[in-house]
Amino acid sequence: MTRIFLACLIILGLLNFPAFAANLAHQVDDEDAPVVYMTRDITPDGLAKVYRALRWEADGRVAVKISTGEPPASNYLRPALIRDFVKSLKGTIVECNTAYNGSRAATAMHLQVAKDHGFTEFANVDIMDAEGDIELPVSRGTHLTGNLVGRNFKNYNAFVILSHFKGHAMAGFGGAIKNISIGIASRSGKCRIHSGGKSDSSPWGGEQNAFLESMAEAGKSVSDYLERGRRIVYVNVMNRLSIDCDCNGHPAAPDIHDIGILSSKDPVALDQACVDLINVAAGNHSFVKRMTQLNAMRTLEHAEEIKLGHRNYRLVYVD
């Protein structure tokens, strides 16, 4: 039975989940492996369920890091899906400005996009680098010794990283690691990551593997600051699975059916689980091709090398 046929069966509900999970490349039967929780229920109830499975309590001021999405037609997470979840956390939606000159490159425009996309109707929105940035130390880095994040990052006690998992024209895929690296970096910090540590003023012209490895290194600085799972957790939503990022206002149409929502305290395990699910999904050719062409696995490999997290995981189905 091929992996594609298995993927078709799970979509149709004809195969139980444990049998399907056994075909995921990094899923292991090891109680010491980080746990990734999963539901196929892509609804507000499903989102709440995979979050509760983490058994994690957010203390103090809670930031919910999302992508506000590039206009006019990107696949950002819709307010109808995340509204109740963000409100239950009493969370502030946080973002940082983009390094490219789109509709979210400056704070006033970015806040207007957040309003237009419906996020300000149920939460405060903080563009964390509106007043500049601060530098977090990077340990074990090959390319980075410091990571420039939005100055307001320091104002929050806990972070929920709520990511739309999708493809990406430069990184191959975008999930939790991208959201805590590029996503939390200031404009200057984004340039530093993209250039592999060579420039704080231009995101262009960097070497591909240096960029991918720098994402992992920047992400580790955020994880370390937030005490590696004590003050930060991760949720990936696998819907609208375009090969293009939410920074693309005109993304390619998805070839893969919606898969589910996953959560973990380990961002590497979480992203690896999502990649594994893509690799067994029907219609995955264009997505896998993009990841392969851009050497996307290098981010996960380096993330494990520098001890941001683990690629092997234990999948727990919560439905």
Protein backbone atom coordinates (compact mmCIF):
# COMPACT_ATOMS: atom_id res chain seq x y z
CA MET A 1 0.00 0.00 0.00
CA THR A 2 1.61 3.25 -1.07
CA ARG A 3 1.92 6.31 1.13
CA ILE A 4 -0.29 8.27 -1.25
CA PHE A 5 -3.00 5.62 -0.94
CA LEU A 6 -2.67 5.75 2.85
CA ALA A 7 -3.07 9.52 2.72
CA CYS A 8 -6.25 9.15 0.64
CA LEU A 9 -7.66 6.69 3.17
CA ILE A 10 -7.02 8.97 6.13
CA ILE A 11 -8.69 11.89 4.35
CA LEU A 12 -11.72 9.67 3.69
CA GLY A 13 -11.71 8.44 7.27
CA LEU A 14 -11.27 4.79 6.24
CA LEU A 15 -8.02 4.09 8.08
CA ASN A 16 -7.48 4.44 11.80
CA PHE A 17 -4.97 7.03 12.85
CA PRO A 18 -2.36 4.82 14.57
CA ALA A 19 -1.80 2.86 11.35
CA PHE A 20 -1.41 6.09 9.41
CA ALA A 21 0.95 7.58 11.97
CA ALA A 22 3.24 4.58 11.66
CA ASN A 23 4.08 5.72 8.12
CA LEU A 24 5.34 9.15 9.17
CA ALA A 25 9.11 9.25 8.81
CA HIS A 26 10.00 10.70 12.22
CA GLN A 27 7.12 9.35 14.30
CA VAL A 28 8.59 7.03 16.98
CA ASP A 29 7.27 4.86 19.75
CA ASP A 30 9.46 6.41 22.42
CA GLU A 31 8.11 7.91 25.63
CA ASP A 32 11.12 10.23 25.82
CA ALA A 33 10.39 11.80 22.42
CA PRO A 34 8.61 15.17 22.40
CA VAL A 35 4.86 14.85 21.99
CA VAL A 36 3.00 16.38 19.05
CA TYR A 37 -0.78 16.48 19.45
CA MET A 38 -3.04 16.40 16.41
CA THR A 39 -6.68 16.80 15.47
CA ARG A 40 -8.25 16.69 12.02
CA ASP A 41 -10.94 19.09 13.28
CA ILE A 42 -9.99 22.48 11.82
CA THR A 43 -12.53 24.47 13.82
CA PRO A 44 -12.38 26.72 16.89
CA ASP A 45 -13.19 23.64 18.99
CA GLY A 46 -10.37 21.66 17.40
CA LEU A 47 -7.93 24.50 17.99
CA ALA A 48 -8.91 24.68 21.66
CA LYS A 49 -8.59 20.91 21.98
CA VAL A 50 -4.99 20.60 20.75
CA TYR A 51 -3.99 23.57 22.89
CA ARG A 52 -5.55 22.08 26.04
CA ALA A 53 -3.71 18.82 25.33
CA LEU A 54 -0.43 20.65 26.05
CA ARG A 55 -1.50 21.16 29.69
CA TRP A 56 0.27 24.48 29.71
CA GLU A 57 -0.87 27.59 31.54
CA ALA A 58 0.07 31.04 30.28
CA ASP A 59 0.94 33.48 33.06
CA GLY A 60 0.95 37.27 32.90
CA ARG A 61 0.79 39.12 29.59
CA VAL A 62 0.22 36.65 26.78
CA ALA A 63 1.34 37.29 23.18
CA VAL A 64 -0.22 35.32 20.33
CA LYS A 65 2.14 35.44 17.36
CA ILE A 66 0.40 35.11 14.01
CA SER A 67 0.94 36.36 10.49
CA THR A 68 -1.50 39.13 9.67
CA GLY A 69 -1.23 38.17 5.98
CA GLU A 70 -0.31 40.17 2.91
CA PRO A 71 -3.26 41.67 0.96
CA PRO A 72 -5.24 41.03 -1.10
CA ALA A 73 -5.69 37.25 -1.05
CA SER A 74 -3.16 35.47 1.16
CA ASN A 75 -4.02 32.43 3.24
CA TYR A 76 -3.53 33.88 6.74
CA LEU A 77 -5.47 32.24 9.58
CA ARG A 78 -8.98 33.66 9.50
CA PRO A 79 -10.48 35.41 12.55
CA ALA A 80 -13.43 33.00 12.53
CA LEU A 81 -11.02 30.18 13.35
CA ILE A 82 -8.79 31.87 15.95
CA ARG A 83 -11.04 34.52 17.57
CA ASP A 84 -12.35 32.44 20.49
CA PHE A 85 -8.91 30.97 21.15
CA VAL A 86 -7.17 34.33 21.36
CA LYS A 87 -9.93 35.73 23.56
CA SER A 88 -9.71 32.73 25.89
CA LEU A 89 -6.03 33.54 26.47
CA LYS A 90 -6.77 37.26 26.92
CA GLY A 91 -3.96 37.50 24.42
CA THR A 92 -2.49 40.33 22.41
CA ILE A 93 -1.85 39.56 18.75
CA VAL A 94 1.77 40.40 17.96
CA GLU A 95 3.63 40.88 14.70
CA CYS A 96 6.68 42.66 13.29
CA ASN A 97 7.05 44.68 10.11
CA THR A 98 8.28 43.05 6.92
CA ALA A 99 11.69 43.56 5.34
CA TYR A 100 10.21 43.71 1.83
CA ASN A 101 8.26 46.76 0.70
CA GLY A 102 4.72 45.39 0.82
CA SER A 103 1.62 46.51 2.70
CA ARG A 104 3.10 45.60 6.09
CA ALA A 105 6.52 47.24 5.81
CA ALA A 106 5.65 50.16 8.13
CA THR A 107 3.66 50.17 11.35
CA ALA A 108 0.73 52.37 10.28
CA MET A 109 0.14 50.33 7.13
CA HIS A 110 0.60 47.08 9.02
CA LEU A 111 -2.00 48.04 11.62
CA GLN A 112 -4.40 48.93 8.82
CA VAL A 113 -3.93 45.47 7.31
CA ALA A 114 -4.59 43.90 10.72
CA LYS A 115 -7.80 45.93 10.93
CA ASP A 116 -8.83 45.11 7.37
CA HIS A 117 -8.30 41.40 8.02
CA GLY A 118 -10.49 41.52 11.12
CA PHE A 119 -7.96 40.97 13.91
CA THR A 120 -8.55 44.26 15.74
CA GLU A 121 -12.21 43.38 16.21
CA PHE A 122 -11.38 40.89 18.97
CA ALA A 123 -7.84 41.63 20.20
CA ASN A 124 -5.28 44.34 20.62
CA VAL A 125 -2.58 44.20 17.93
CA ASP A 126 1.02 45.09 18.76
CA ILE A 127 3.58 45.62 15.99
CA MET A 128 6.50 44.78 18.24
CA ASP A 129 9.22 46.61 16.29
CA ALA A 130 7.24 49.86 15.98
CA GLU A 131 9.78 51.48 18.34
CA GLY A 132 12.84 49.59 17.19
CA ASP A 133 14.42 46.37 18.41
CA ILE A 134 16.46 44.63 21.06
CA GLU A 135 19.12 41.95 20.64
CA LEU A 136 18.84 38.45 22.07
CA PRO A 137 22.01 36.35 22.41
CA VAL A 138 22.34 33.33 20.12
CA SER A 139 24.01 30.26 21.59
CA ARG A 140 25.63 27.57 19.40
CA GLY A 141 25.24 29.79 16.32
CA THR A 142 27.29 29.29 13.17
CA HIS A 143 26.13 32.52 11.50
CA LEU A 144 24.52 34.61 14.25
CA THR A 145 25.76 35.75 17.63
CA GLY A 146 22.72 37.95 18.22
CA ASN A 147 19.11 38.11 17.00
CA LEU A 148 17.29 41.44 16.58
CA VAL A 149 13.66 41.15 17.70
CA GLY A 150 10.92 43.74 18.05
CA ARG A 151 11.51 45.89 21.14
CA ASN A 152 8.08 45.08 22.58
CA PHE A 153 8.94 41.38 22.68
CA LYS A 154 10.22 41.91 26.21
CA ASN A 155 6.81 43.15 27.38
CA TYR A 156 5.22 39.68 27.35
CA ASN A 157 5.52 36.89 29.87
CA ALA A 158 4.33 34.07 27.60
CA PHE A 159 4.03 33.40 23.88
CA VAL A 160 1.64 31.18 21.95
CA ILE A 161 3.08 30.74 18.45
CA LEU A 162 0.05 30.22 16.23
CA SER A 163 1.29 29.46 12.74
CA HIS A 164 -0.34 28.72 9.43
CA PHE A 165 1.79 25.89 8.02
CA LYS A 166 2.36 26.41 4.27
CA GLY A 167 5.03 26.51 1.61
CA HIS A 168 7.45 29.38 1.19
CA ALA A 169 9.28 30.75 -1.85
CA MET A 170 12.58 31.13 0.02
CA ALA A 171 12.45 28.74 2.99
CA GLY A 172 10.55 25.89 1.32
CA PHE A 173 8.01 25.77 4.12
CA GLY A 174 6.90 28.03 6.94
CA GLY A 175 5.74 26.88 10.34
CA ALA A 176 6.71 27.33 13.98
CA ILE A 177 10.44 27.90 13.42
CA LYS A 178 9.86 30.53 10.78
CA ASN A 179 7.30 32.24 13.02
CA ILE A 180 9.73 32.57 15.95
CA SER A 181 12.65 33.63 13.76
CA ILE A 182 11.64 35.74 10.77
CA GLY A 183 8.25 36.39 12.39
CA ILE A 184 9.54 37.89 15.64
CA ALA A 185 12.60 39.57 14.12
CA SER A 186 12.49 43.30 13.50
CA ARG A 187 13.00 44.58 9.96
CA SER A 188 16.75 44.74 10.66
CA GLY A 189 16.63 41.32 12.25
CA LYS A 190 14.91 39.87 9.20
CA CYS A 191 17.71 41.23 7.05
CA ARG A 192 20.29 39.67 9.36
CA ILE A 193 18.62 36.25 9.16
CA HIS A 194 18.09 36.33 5.39
CA SER A 195 21.70 37.36 4.79
CA GLY A 196 23.14 34.73 7.11
CA GLY A 197 24.40 37.38 9.51
CA LYS A 198 26.06 39.58 6.90
CA SER A 199 23.67 42.55 6.71
CA ASP A 200 21.17 44.36 8.92
CA SER A 201 19.95 46.54 6.06
CA SER A 202 19.26 44.22 3.12
CA PRO A 203 17.52 40.82 3.04
CA TRP A 204 18.75 40.00 -0.46
CA GLY A 205 21.70 38.05 -1.81
CA GLY A 206 22.43 35.72 1.08
CA GLU A 207 23.52 32.11 0.66
CA GLN A 208 20.60 29.67 0.90
CA ASN A 209 21.88 27.29 3.55
CA ALA A 210 23.15 30.19 5.66
CA PHE A 211 19.65 31.66 5.58
CA LEU A 212 18.01 28.37 6.55
CA GLU A 213 20.48 27.79 9.37
CA SER A 214 20.11 31.37 10.57
CA MET A 215 16.36 30.86 10.94
CA ALA A 216 17.05 27.97 13.30
CA GLU A 217 19.63 30.02 15.22
CA ALA A 218 17.32 33.03 15.60
CA GLY A 219 14.53 30.72 16.70
CA LYS A 220 16.77 29.21 19.35
CA SER A 221 17.47 32.64 20.83
CA VAL A 222 13.72 33.18 21.27
CA SER A 223 13.20 29.70 22.70
CA ASP A 224 16.09 30.10 25.13
CA TYR A 225 14.83 33.50 26.32
CA LEU A 226 11.39 32.01 26.97
CA GLU A 227 12.83 29.03 28.84
CA ARG A 228 12.34 26.36 26.15
CA GLY A 229 8.68 25.46 26.51
CA ARG A 230 8.05 26.91 29.96
CA ARG A 231 6.91 30.26 28.59
CA ILE A 232 6.29 29.37 24.93
CA VAL A 233 4.20 26.77 23.09
CA TYR A 234 3.45 26.15 19.43
CA VAL A 235 0.37 25.43 17.32
CA ASN A 236 0.44 24.79 13.55
CA VAL A 237 -2.72 24.88 11.44
CA MET A 238 -2.47 22.78 8.26
CA ASN A 239 -5.16 24.27 6.04
CA ARG A 240 -5.08 26.17 2.73
CA LEU A 241 -1.84 24.34 1.98
CA SER A 242 -0.48 26.50 -0.80
CA ILE A 243 3.17 26.28 -1.79
CA ASP A 244 3.27 30.05 -1.18
CA CYS A 245 3.62 31.90 2.11
CA ASP A 246 1.11 34.28 3.70
CA CYS A 247 3.54 37.04 2.71
CA ASN A 248 2.36 36.42 -0.87
CA GLY A 249 -0.81 38.33 -1.66
CA HIS A 250 -1.49 36.15 -4.72
CA PRO A 251 -0.59 32.60 -3.62
CA ALA A 252 -0.87 29.50 -5.75
CA ALA A 253 -4.00 27.45 -5.18
CA PRO A 254 -3.53 24.50 -2.79
CA ASP A 255 -3.06 21.03 -4.29
CA ILE A 256 -3.36 19.25 -0.91
CA HIS A 257 -6.54 18.85 1.12
CA ASP A 258 -6.64 20.42 4.59
CA ILE A 259 -4.96 18.07 7.09
CA GLY A 260 -5.51 19.26 10.67
CA ILE A 261 -4.15 21.24 13.62
CA LEU A 262 -1.05 20.19 15.57
CA SER A 263 0.54 21.45 18.79
CA SER A 264 3.73 20.86 20.76
CA LYS A 265 6.18 22.38 23.20
CA ASP A 266 8.96 21.50 20.72
CA PRO A 267 8.97 23.61 17.53
CA VAL A 268 11.31 21.25 15.66
CA ALA A 269 9.17 18.20 16.37
CA LEU A 270 6.06 20.15 15.39
CA ASP A 271 7.41 21.36 12.05
CA GLN A 272 8.88 17.94 11.30
CA ALA A 273 5.50 16.30 11.93
CA CYS A 274 3.88 18.74 9.51
CA VAL A 275 6.52 18.03 6.87
CA ASP A 276 6.01 14.29 7.36
CA LEU A 277 2.27 14.71 6.86
CA ILE A 278 2.90 16.68 3.67
CA ASN A 279 5.19 13.90 2.46
CA VAL A 280 2.39 11.31 2.65
CA ALA A 281 -0.44 13.58 1.45
CA ALA A 282 -2.20 13.16 -1.87
CA GLY A 283 -1.41 15.94 -4.34
CA ASN A 284 1.87 16.82 -2.64
CA HIS A 285 4.09 16.99 -5.75
CA SER A 286 4.43 20.78 -6.02
CA PHE A 287 4.86 21.25 -2.25
CA VAL A 288 7.53 18.54 -1.97
CA LYS A 289 9.28 19.87 -5.07
CA ARG A 290 9.49 23.34 -3.56
CA MET A 291 10.90 22.02 -0.27
CA THR A 292 13.42 19.86 -2.12
CA GLN A 293 14.60 22.60 -4.48
CA LEU A 294 15.21 24.98 -1.57
CA ASN A 295 16.85 22.36 0.70
CA ALA A 296 14.19 23.14 3.32
CA MET A 297 15.16 20.23 5.56
CA ARG A 298 18.40 22.03 6.38
CA THR A 299 16.44 24.26 8.80
CA LEU A 300 15.22 21.23 10.74
CA GLU A 301 18.60 19.51 10.62
CA HIS A 302 20.43 22.55 11.96
CA ALA A 303 17.72 23.23 14.54
CA GLU A 304 18.33 19.78 15.97
CA GLU A 305 22.12 20.20 15.78
CA ILE A 306 21.99 23.38 17.88
CA LYS A 307 19.48 21.82 20.29
CA LEU A 308 16.45 23.95 19.49
CA GLY A 309 14.48 20.70 19.54
CA HIS A 310 14.18 17.15 18.24
CA ARG A 311 13.10 15.89 14.83
CA ASN A 312 11.74 12.59 16.14
CA TYR A 313 8.39 12.89 17.90
CA ARG A 314 5.52 10.87 19.34
CA LEU A 315 2.22 11.72 17.68
CA VAL A 316 -0.84 11.72 19.92
CA TYR A 317 -4.21 11.96 18.20
CA VAL A 318 -6.73 13.88 20.34
CA ASP A 319 -9.96 13.29 18.39
